[in-house]
Amino acid sequence: MRNTLRMTILLVAALLACMPADGRIRKQRQKADLWPDGTEISAWFSDTAHVDISTLGTPYVVTDYGVKEDSTLLQTEALQAVIDRAAGEGGGVIVIPKGTFLSGSLFFRQGTHLHLCEGARLKGSDFIGDFALMDTRMEGQNLKYFMALVNAIGLDGFTISGKGTIDGNGERYWRSFWLRRQYNRKCTNLEEMRPRLVFLDSCLNVTLSDVHLMNSPFWTCHMYRCENVKALGTYTHAPSDGPVKAPSCDAFDVDVCTNVLIHGCYIDVNDDAVALKGGKGPWADRDTLHNGANRNVIIENCSYGFCHGALTCGSESILDHNIILRNCHIDGANRILWLKMRPDTPQRYEYITVQNITGSATRFLYVHPWTQFFDLQGREDIPYSTSAHVVLRDCHLQCNTFLDMEEKPEQYEVTDLQVINCTMNGERVDQIIR
């Protein structure tokens, strides 16, 4: 049966290759309009217009309201006062002009937006005490932890735009993290107190465009319980080499979200580029108040430098459905698609398509148990996980290993995996797992 199915796929690929060009284009457009589960992709995903701040209300240039251009003077209160004033006056755009402005946690209000002019730098403090300690979400848990430099909670229509930079100023945090790991190899990420760069919580209709997101102490852009979020043309970097590697600095952490588009972005970080989260623990799927699925996520037309995983499901994730990574060039990733199978958490990764990827990677598909900080919390059995309906199509890379999959039938299964028209170092790869 497997040989018959393989021959069928090869025949279909040959027929498509012989189809007239206009026919192939129509076929591609038809496929591009559908999610992996066959439902229609909404027109919302086709709108990649960048933010136009002239439509967002009154501009509030922070230096007009007592904020000083000074890279050493902490101005959290002065910056927050401008945000609060704008909100009180009906909303508007908080404009960071050219120069460097040092701050701790900032909280944007309904109707306010953030714009960073070219040459502007909103720089995070390197002292954790300058960041608010509040109930929040980190690593699949709801707990009290430190807030980000830029925070948006419960907002509709919030935007971050401009060619300036949000700089996490992370080196001191990174050094402290690696020092802690030297004397306690089992310390968790949360034990070394670090802020995120951008945190979006329970927001609707958010757009990030053009902005540079740099040197985050921890996760770079964390979106939790959000719907309709776009990142367009952003640039994310945290060093993977000297003088200090940036630990756990994922570019985008998508956590219980619906409708996410990451389009035309550049990503180069010392961890995962796009990580799908959603909850962890032996009964994580029962906590519907805090945990849940990621649905309808597209990462497209992006360029990658180094990353651990171009698209990673887990390690704190319970359901990811309708996920597309396509039309991207990736240089030197450790893995293109990484399915972290966590033995203490019930997981389902389904309807995932990776298409038209070029470049280089150590491994293309990587499926292995993820046991870091394993904790069954008293549960006697291992929660069972599945991955189904994963399609790898039209991908051509320099790659050490195309499929690196560890079988663990007592913990998880991988079914309905299709590899179609892919090459590794010029050699054809086709495979079906039913």
Protein backbone atom coordinates (compact mmCIF):
# COMPACT_ATOMS: atom_id res chain seq x y z
CA MET A 1 0.00 0.00 0.00
CA ARG A 2 2.79 2.43 0.87
CA ASN A 3 4.56 1.85 -2.48
CA THR A 4 1.27 2.40 -4.33
CA LEU A 5 0.67 5.69 -2.53
CA ARG A 6 4.21 6.82 -3.24
CA MET A 7 3.82 6.10 -6.93
CA THR A 8 0.54 8.04 -6.93
CA ILE A 9 2.26 11.10 -5.47
CA LEU A 10 5.09 10.91 -8.00
CA LEU A 11 2.55 10.67 -10.84
CA VAL A 12 0.65 13.72 -9.57
CA ALA A 13 3.92 15.68 -9.31
CA ALA A 14 4.80 14.72 -12.90
CA LEU A 15 1.38 15.79 -14.17
CA LEU A 16 1.69 19.15 -12.44
CA ALA A 17 5.11 19.67 -13.97
CA CYS A 18 3.61 19.12 -17.43
CA MET A 19 0.61 21.38 -16.83
CA PRO A 20 0.69 24.70 -18.75
CA ALA A 21 2.11 27.59 -16.74
CA ASP A 22 -1.21 29.40 -16.41
CA GLY A 23 -2.81 26.16 -15.20
CA ARG A 24 -0.12 25.72 -12.55
CA ILE A 25 -0.65 29.30 -11.39
CA ARG A 26 -4.40 28.76 -11.08
CA LYS A 27 -3.71 25.57 -9.12
CA GLN A 28 -1.31 27.35 -6.78
CA ARG A 29 -3.77 30.17 -6.19
CA GLN A 30 -6.49 27.70 -5.39
CA LYS A 31 -4.26 25.96 -2.84
CA ALA A 32 -3.10 29.27 -1.34
CA ASP A 33 -6.74 30.11 -0.59
CA LEU A 34 -7.23 27.01 1.55
CA TRP A 35 -6.04 26.01 4.97
CA PRO A 36 -4.44 22.59 5.36
CA ASP A 37 -7.77 21.23 6.64
CA GLY A 38 -9.47 22.37 3.41
CA THR A 39 -11.38 25.35 4.79
CA GLU A 40 -11.07 28.75 3.13
CA ILE A 41 -8.46 31.29 4.20
CA SER A 42 -10.13 34.64 4.81
CA ALA A 43 -9.25 37.80 2.88
CA TRP A 44 -7.84 39.24 6.12
CA PHE A 45 -4.63 37.30 5.47
CA SER A 46 -4.19 38.93 2.04
CA ASP A 47 -4.13 42.48 3.42
CA THR A 48 -0.48 43.29 4.12
CA ALA A 49 -0.77 47.09 4.17
CA HIS A 50 1.61 48.60 6.70
CA VAL A 51 0.51 50.97 9.43
CA ASP A 52 -0.34 54.53 8.35
CA ILE A 53 -0.10 56.65 11.50
CA SER A 54 -1.88 59.58 9.82
CA THR A 55 -5.10 57.59 10.29
CA LEU A 56 -4.57 56.92 14.00
CA GLY A 57 -5.25 60.28 15.60
CA THR A 58 -3.19 62.97 17.27
CA PRO A 59 0.59 62.46 17.38
CA TYR A 60 2.16 62.87 20.82
CA VAL A 61 5.89 63.40 20.32
CA VAL A 62 7.24 62.46 23.74
CA THR A 63 9.89 65.20 23.84
CA ASP A 64 7.08 67.77 23.61
CA TYR A 65 5.80 66.52 26.97
CA GLY A 66 8.90 66.63 29.14
CA VAL A 67 10.62 63.38 28.10
CA LYS A 68 14.34 63.89 27.55
CA GLU A 69 16.56 62.29 24.91
CA ASP A 70 18.99 60.64 27.35
CA SER A 71 20.22 57.05 27.16
CA THR A 72 21.14 56.96 30.87
CA LEU A 73 18.11 58.63 32.47
CA LEU A 74 15.26 56.26 33.37
CA GLN A 75 12.03 57.86 32.17
CA THR A 76 9.34 55.25 32.72
CA GLU A 77 7.03 57.61 34.60
CA ALA A 78 7.40 60.43 32.09
CA LEU A 79 6.74 58.13 29.13
CA GLN A 80 3.76 56.52 30.86
CA ALA A 81 2.35 59.96 31.58
CA VAL A 82 2.33 60.73 27.84
CA ILE A 83 0.52 57.48 27.12
CA ASP A 84 -2.06 58.17 29.82
CA ARG A 85 -2.57 61.75 28.63
CA ALA A 86 -3.16 60.58 25.06
CA ALA A 87 -5.69 58.02 26.26
CA GLY A 88 -7.46 60.64 28.37
CA GLU A 89 -7.70 62.99 25.40
CA GLY A 90 -9.30 60.45 23.10
CA GLY A 91 -6.27 58.49 21.93
CA GLY A 92 -3.41 59.02 19.53
CA VAL A 93 0.08 57.97 18.52
CA ILE A 94 2.96 58.01 21.01
CA VAL A 95 5.87 59.09 18.83
CA ILE A 96 9.44 58.30 19.87
CA PRO A 97 11.70 60.69 17.92
CA LYS A 98 15.31 60.14 16.93
CA GLY A 99 17.44 59.44 19.99
CA THR A 100 17.60 56.93 22.85
CA PHE A 101 15.02 56.78 25.64
CA LEU A 102 15.48 54.48 28.66
CA SER A 103 12.46 52.88 30.30
CA GLY A 104 10.96 50.07 32.34
CA SER A 105 7.50 48.61 31.78
CA LEU A 106 5.10 50.76 29.72
CA PHE A 107 1.38 50.04 29.46
CA PHE A 108 -0.53 51.24 26.43
CA ARG A 109 -4.19 52.17 26.73
CA GLN A 110 -7.15 51.75 24.43
CA GLY A 111 -6.85 54.11 21.48
CA THR A 112 -3.09 54.66 21.88
CA HIS A 113 -0.37 53.47 19.51
CA LEU A 114 3.43 53.38 19.44
CA HIS A 115 5.49 54.79 16.57
CA LEU A 116 9.29 54.86 16.49
CA CYS A 117 10.86 57.23 14.01
CA GLU A 118 13.94 56.21 12.07
CA GLY A 119 16.89 56.57 14.45
CA ALA A 120 14.66 56.26 17.54
CA ARG A 121 15.53 53.73 20.22
CA LEU A 122 13.24 52.79 23.09
CA LYS A 123 15.72 51.05 25.36
CA GLY A 124 14.86 48.72 28.23
CA SER A 125 16.46 49.09 31.63
CA ASP A 126 18.99 46.41 32.55
CA PHE A 127 17.69 46.38 36.17
CA ILE A 128 14.77 44.00 36.67
CA GLY A 129 13.38 46.16 39.45
CA ASP A 130 12.31 48.70 36.82
CA PHE A 131 9.76 46.24 35.42
CA ALA A 132 6.31 45.69 36.90
CA LEU A 133 5.73 42.43 38.79
CA MET A 134 2.18 41.30 38.01
CA ASP A 135 -0.06 38.35 37.27
CA THR A 136 0.86 37.35 33.73
CA ARG A 137 1.62 34.38 31.45
CA MET A 138 4.97 32.69 30.85
CA GLU A 139 6.02 29.29 29.54
CA GLY A 140 2.51 27.85 29.49
CA GLN A 141 1.71 28.97 33.03
CA ASN A 142 -0.28 31.79 34.58
CA LEU A 143 1.76 33.22 37.42
CA LYS A 144 3.20 36.36 38.91
CA TYR A 145 6.16 37.47 36.84
CA PHE A 146 7.80 40.50 35.32
CA MET A 147 6.03 42.41 32.57
CA ALA A 148 7.56 43.40 29.26
CA LEU A 149 9.03 46.70 28.14
CA VAL A 150 5.97 47.34 25.91
CA ASN A 151 2.65 45.93 27.16
CA ALA A 152 -0.80 45.96 25.58
CA ILE A 153 -3.58 44.27 27.58
CA GLY A 154 -7.16 44.00 26.36
CA LEU A 155 -6.72 46.48 23.52
CA ASP A 156 -8.48 46.55 20.15
CA GLY A 157 -6.60 48.01 17.18
CA PHE A 158 -3.23 48.60 18.85
CA THR A 159 -0.27 49.19 16.52
CA ILE A 160 3.51 49.40 16.77
CA SER A 161 5.14 50.97 13.73
CA GLY A 162 8.10 52.85 12.33
CA LYS A 163 11.68 52.16 11.34
CA GLY A 164 13.05 52.74 14.82
CA THR A 165 14.11 50.15 17.39
CA ILE A 166 12.77 48.62 20.57
CA ASP A 167 15.98 47.51 22.26
CA GLY A 168 15.79 45.13 25.21
CA ASN A 169 19.35 45.93 26.29
CA GLY A 170 19.66 42.28 27.21
CA GLU A 171 23.38 41.63 27.67
CA ARG A 172 23.41 41.99 31.45
CA TYR A 173 20.46 39.58 31.77
CA TRP A 174 22.11 37.08 29.43
CA ARG A 175 25.37 37.12 31.38
CA SER A 176 23.50 36.59 34.63
CA PHE A 177 21.51 33.69 33.15
CA TRP A 178 24.59 31.81 31.94
CA LEU A 179 26.34 32.42 35.26
CA ARG A 180 23.37 30.89 37.12
CA ARG A 181 23.44 27.88 34.80
CA GLN A 182 27.12 27.34 35.62
CA TYR A 183 26.37 26.59 39.27
CA ASN A 184 22.85 25.16 38.83
CA ARG A 185 22.39 23.25 35.59
CA LYS A 186 18.76 22.54 36.48
CA CYS A 187 17.67 26.14 37.00
CA THR A 188 14.59 27.09 34.98
CA ASN A 189 14.26 30.02 32.61
CA LEU A 190 11.99 31.78 35.09
CA GLU A 191 14.50 31.63 37.96
CA GLU A 192 16.69 34.19 36.24
CA MET A 193 14.44 37.25 36.37
CA ARG A 194 14.14 38.76 32.90
CA PRO A 195 11.55 40.91 31.12
CA ARG A 196 10.14 40.27 27.65
CA LEU A 197 10.31 42.93 24.97
CA VAL A 198 6.66 43.10 23.77
CA PHE A 199 3.66 41.44 25.43
CA LEU A 200 0.19 41.40 23.87
CA ASP A 201 -2.48 39.96 26.16
CA SER A 202 -6.14 39.46 25.16
CA CYS A 203 -5.88 41.90 22.26
CA LEU A 204 -7.77 42.15 18.97
CA ASN A 205 -6.65 43.51 15.60
CA VAL A 206 -2.99 44.26 16.37
CA THR A 207 -0.42 45.24 13.75
CA LEU A 208 3.35 45.48 14.12
CA SER A 209 5.03 46.93 11.05
CA ASP A 210 8.62 47.78 10.09
CA VAL A 211 9.93 48.11 13.63
CA HIS A 212 13.25 46.58 14.76
CA LEU A 213 12.95 44.29 17.81
CA MET A 214 16.42 43.84 19.22
CA ASN A 215 18.32 42.22 22.08
CA SER A 216 15.40 41.00 24.14
CA PRO A 217 16.35 39.69 27.60
CA PHE A 218 13.73 36.92 27.25
CA TRP A 219 10.99 36.21 24.67
CA THR A 220 10.83 38.99 22.10
CA CYS A 221 7.16 39.25 21.08
CA HIS A 222 4.72 37.21 23.17
CA MET A 223 1.07 37.21 22.10
CA TYR A 224 -1.39 35.53 24.47
CA ARG A 225 -5.13 34.99 23.91
CA CYS A 226 -5.06 37.36 20.94
CA GLU A 227 -7.03 37.38 17.71
CA ASN A 228 -6.08 38.95 14.38
CA VAL A 229 -2.41 39.84 14.87
CA LYS A 230 -0.11 40.84 12.00
CA ALA A 231 3.66 41.33 11.97
CA LEU A 232 4.64 42.98 8.68
CA GLY A 233 8.23 43.69 7.68
CA THR A 234 9.60 43.57 11.21
CA TYR A 235 13.27 42.82 11.97
CA THR A 236 14.11 40.67 14.99
CA HIS A 237 17.60 39.96 16.24
CA ALA A 238 19.23 38.54 19.35
CA PRO A 239 22.81 37.25 19.12
CA SER A 240 23.64 33.58 18.72
CA ASP A 241 27.38 34.21 18.99
CA GLY A 242 29.73 36.48 20.95
CA PRO A 243 30.25 38.25 23.11
CA VAL A 244 27.22 36.67 24.86
CA LYS A 245 24.57 34.34 23.45
CA ALA A 246 21.01 35.44 24.11
CA PRO A 247 19.14 32.59 25.87
CA SER A 248 15.43 31.83 25.28
CA CYS A 249 14.88 34.86 23.06
CA ASP A 250 12.22 33.46 20.69
CA ALA A 251 11.19 35.98 18.06
CA PHE A 252 7.43 35.27 18.17
CA ASP A 253 5.65 33.22 20.82
CA VAL A 254 2.08 32.52 19.72
CA ASP A 255 0.12 31.43 22.79
CA VAL A 256 -3.61 30.53 22.51
CA CYS A 257 -4.17 32.78 19.49
CA THR A 258 -6.42 32.75 16.43
CA ASN A 259 -5.52 34.36 13.09
CA VAL A 260 -1.84 35.32 13.12
CA LEU A 261 0.07 36.53 10.06
CA ILE A 262 3.87 36.95 10.08
CA HIS A 263 4.70 38.36 6.65
CA GLY A 264 7.89 39.69 5.08
CA CYS A 265 9.85 39.67 8.33
CA TYR A 266 13.52 39.00 9.09
CA ILE A 267 14.36 36.76 12.05
CA ASP A 268 17.78 35.92 13.50
CA VAL A 269 17.71 34.72 17.12
CA ASN A 270 19.41 32.25 19.44
CA ASP A 271 16.23 30.25 19.99
CA ASP A 272 13.03 29.53 18.10
CA ALA A 273 11.88 31.92 15.39
CA VAL A 274 8.17 31.18 15.75
CA ALA A 275 7.13 29.04 18.71
CA LEU A 276 3.55 27.87 19.20
CA LYS A 277 2.59 27.76 22.87
CA GLY A 278 -0.70 27.09 24.66
CA GLY A 279 -0.21 25.40 28.01
CA LYS A 280 1.75 22.63 29.72
CA GLY A 281 1.19 20.03 32.38
CA PRO A 282 -0.58 16.66 32.63
CA TRP A 283 -4.05 18.24 32.71
CA ALA A 284 -3.31 21.35 30.66
CA ASP A 285 -6.12 20.58 28.21
CA ARG A 286 -8.69 20.78 31.02
CA ASP A 287 -7.78 24.34 31.97
CA THR A 288 -9.80 26.09 29.29
CA LEU A 289 -9.73 29.38 31.18
CA HIS A 290 -5.98 29.85 30.63
CA ASN A 291 -4.90 27.30 28.01
CA GLY A 292 -6.04 26.47 24.52
CA ALA A 293 -5.37 26.12 20.82
CA ASN A 294 -3.51 28.13 18.24
CA ARG A 295 -5.57 28.24 15.05
CA ASN A 296 -4.92 29.75 11.64
CA VAL A 297 -1.29 30.89 11.65
CA ILE A 298 0.63 31.83 8.49
CA ILE A 299 4.36 32.62 8.34
CA GLU A 300 5.25 33.65 4.80
CA ASN A 301 7.74 35.53 2.63
CA CYS A 302 10.18 35.81 5.52
CA SER A 303 13.98 35.62 5.63
CA TYR A 304 15.78 33.85 8.44
CA GLY A 305 19.27 33.91 9.77
CA PHE A 306 20.12 31.51 12.58
CA CYS A 307 17.44 29.99 14.78
CA HIS A 308 16.87 26.78 16.72
CA GLY A 309 13.55 26.12 14.99
CA ALA A 310 12.03 28.05 12.11
CA LEU A 311 8.61 26.81 13.25
CA THR A 312 8.34 25.00 16.56
CA CYS A 313 5.27 23.37 18.10
CA GLY A 314 5.86 23.27 21.86
CA SER A 315 7.30 22.81 24.27
CA GLU A 316 4.24 24.27 26.04
CA SER A 317 1.47 23.56 23.53
CA ILE A 318 -1.71 21.47 23.60
CA LEU A 319 -3.32 22.03 20.18
CA ASP A 320 -2.03 23.68 16.98
CA HIS A 321 -4.41 23.56 14.00
CA ASN A 322 -4.04 25.04 10.51
CA ILE A 323 -0.44 26.24 10.53
CA ILE A 324 1.38 27.30 7.33
CA LEU A 325 5.07 28.11 6.82
CA ARG A 326 5.70 29.04 3.18
CA ASN A 327 7.79 30.97 0.69
CA CYS A 328 10.68 31.59 3.08
CA HIS A 329 14.48 31.53 2.72
CA ILE A 330 16.29 30.19 5.75
CA ASP A 331 20.05 30.26 6.31
CA GLY A 332 21.55 27.93 8.87
CA ALA A 333 18.61 26.94 11.06
CA ASN A 334 19.05 23.99 13.36
CA ARG A 335 15.58 22.72 12.37
CA ILE A 336 12.88 23.88 9.95
CA LEU A 337 9.88 22.20 11.58
CA TRP A 338 10.29 21.03 15.16
CA LEU A 339 7.60 19.01 16.89
CA LYS A 340 8.43 18.94 20.59
CA MET A 341 6.63 15.93 22.04
CA ARG A 342 6.39 16.68 25.74
CA PRO A 343 5.73 13.53 27.78
CA ASP A 344 3.99 15.32 30.67
CA THR A 345 1.49 17.22 28.47
CA PRO A 346 -1.29 16.02 26.12
CA GLN A 347 -0.56 17.54 22.69
CA ARG A 348 -2.06 17.50 19.22
CA TYR A 349 -0.31 19.11 16.26
CA GLU A 350 -2.46 18.88 13.15
CA TYR A 351 -2.91 20.28 9.65
CA ILE A 352 0.52 21.81 9.27
CA THR A 353 1.94 22.66 5.84
CA VAL A 354 5.54 23.68 5.11
CA GLN A 355 5.91 24.76 1.49
CA ASN A 356 8.48 26.35 -0.81
CA ILE A 357 11.34 26.69 1.67
CA THR A 358 14.89 27.24 0.43
CA GLY A 359 18.26 27.67 2.11
CA SER A 360 20.05 25.47 4.61
CA ALA A 361 19.41 23.67 7.87
CA THR A 362 20.90 20.93 10.00
CA ARG A 363 17.58 19.05 10.02
CA PHE A 364 14.32 19.65 8.23
CA LEU A 365 11.69 17.82 10.28
CA TYR A 366 12.65 17.00 13.86
CA VAL A 367 10.30 14.93 16.04
CA HIS A 368 11.62 13.88 19.44
CA PRO A 369 10.50 13.85 23.08
CA TRP A 370 11.09 17.08 24.98
CA THR A 371 11.80 16.28 28.62
CA GLN A 372 13.16 19.53 30.04
CA PHE A 373 11.59 20.14 33.47
CA PHE A 374 9.44 16.99 33.12
CA ASP A 375 6.76 16.88 35.82
CA LEU A 376 3.68 14.63 35.87
CA GLN A 377 2.42 16.38 39.04
CA GLY A 378 1.23 13.11 40.49
CA ARG A 379 -0.44 11.76 37.35
CA GLU A 380 0.34 8.05 37.02
CA ASP A 381 0.11 7.64 33.24
CA ILE A 382 1.88 9.45 30.42
CA PRO A 383 -0.50 11.77 28.52
CA TYR A 384 -0.71 10.58 24.92
CA SER A 385 0.08 13.00 22.07
CA THR A 386 -0.46 12.95 18.32
CA SER A 387 0.72 14.73 15.22
CA ALA A 388 -1.33 14.35 12.06
CA HIS A 389 -1.77 15.78 8.58
CA VAL A 390 1.68 17.35 8.20
CA VAL A 391 2.66 18.14 4.60
CA LEU A 392 6.17 19.14 3.46
CA ARG A 393 5.98 20.28 -0.16
CA ASP A 394 8.30 21.87 -2.74
CA CYS A 395 11.15 22.47 -0.29
CA HIS A 396 14.75 22.47 -1.56
CA LEU A 397 17.60 22.84 0.93
CA GLN A 398 21.12 21.98 1.85
CA CYS A 399 20.45 19.80 4.84
CA ASN A 400 22.30 17.20 6.92
CA THR A 401 19.17 15.19 7.74
CA PHE A 402 15.74 15.63 6.20
CA LEU A 403 13.63 13.50 8.56
CA ASP A 404 14.88 13.02 12.11
CA MET A 405 12.06 11.25 13.91
CA GLU A 406 12.27 9.18 17.08
CA GLU A 407 9.56 6.55 17.50
CA LYS A 408 7.89 6.54 20.93
CA PRO A 409 4.64 4.60 20.49
CA GLU A 410 3.98 4.60 24.22
CA GLN A 411 4.06 8.44 24.26
CA TYR A 412 3.01 9.72 20.83
CA GLU A 413 2.29 8.88 17.21
CA VAL A 414 2.86 10.68 13.92
CA THR A 415 0.36 9.90 11.15
CA ASP A 416 -0.57 11.27 7.74
CA LEU A 417 2.85 12.79 7.09
CA GLN A 418 3.50 13.55 3.42
CA VAL A 419 6.76 14.68 1.81
CA ILE A 420 6.11 15.83 -1.75
CA ASN A 421 8.61 17.17 -4.30
CA CYS A 422 11.34 18.02 -1.82
CA THR A 423 15.09 17.77 -2.31
CA MET A 424 17.92 17.58 0.19
CA ASN A 425 21.34 18.41 -1.28
CA GLY A 426 19.87 17.80 -4.72
CA GLU A 427 18.52 14.34 -3.83
CA ARG A 428 14.77 13.73 -4.14
CA VAL A 429 12.86 13.01 -0.90
CA ASP A 430 9.35 11.52 -1.01
CA GLN A 431 7.66 9.76 1.86
CA ILE A 432 4.26 8.98 3.26
CA ILE A 433 3.48 7.82 6.80
CA ARG A 434 -0.11 6.70 7.35
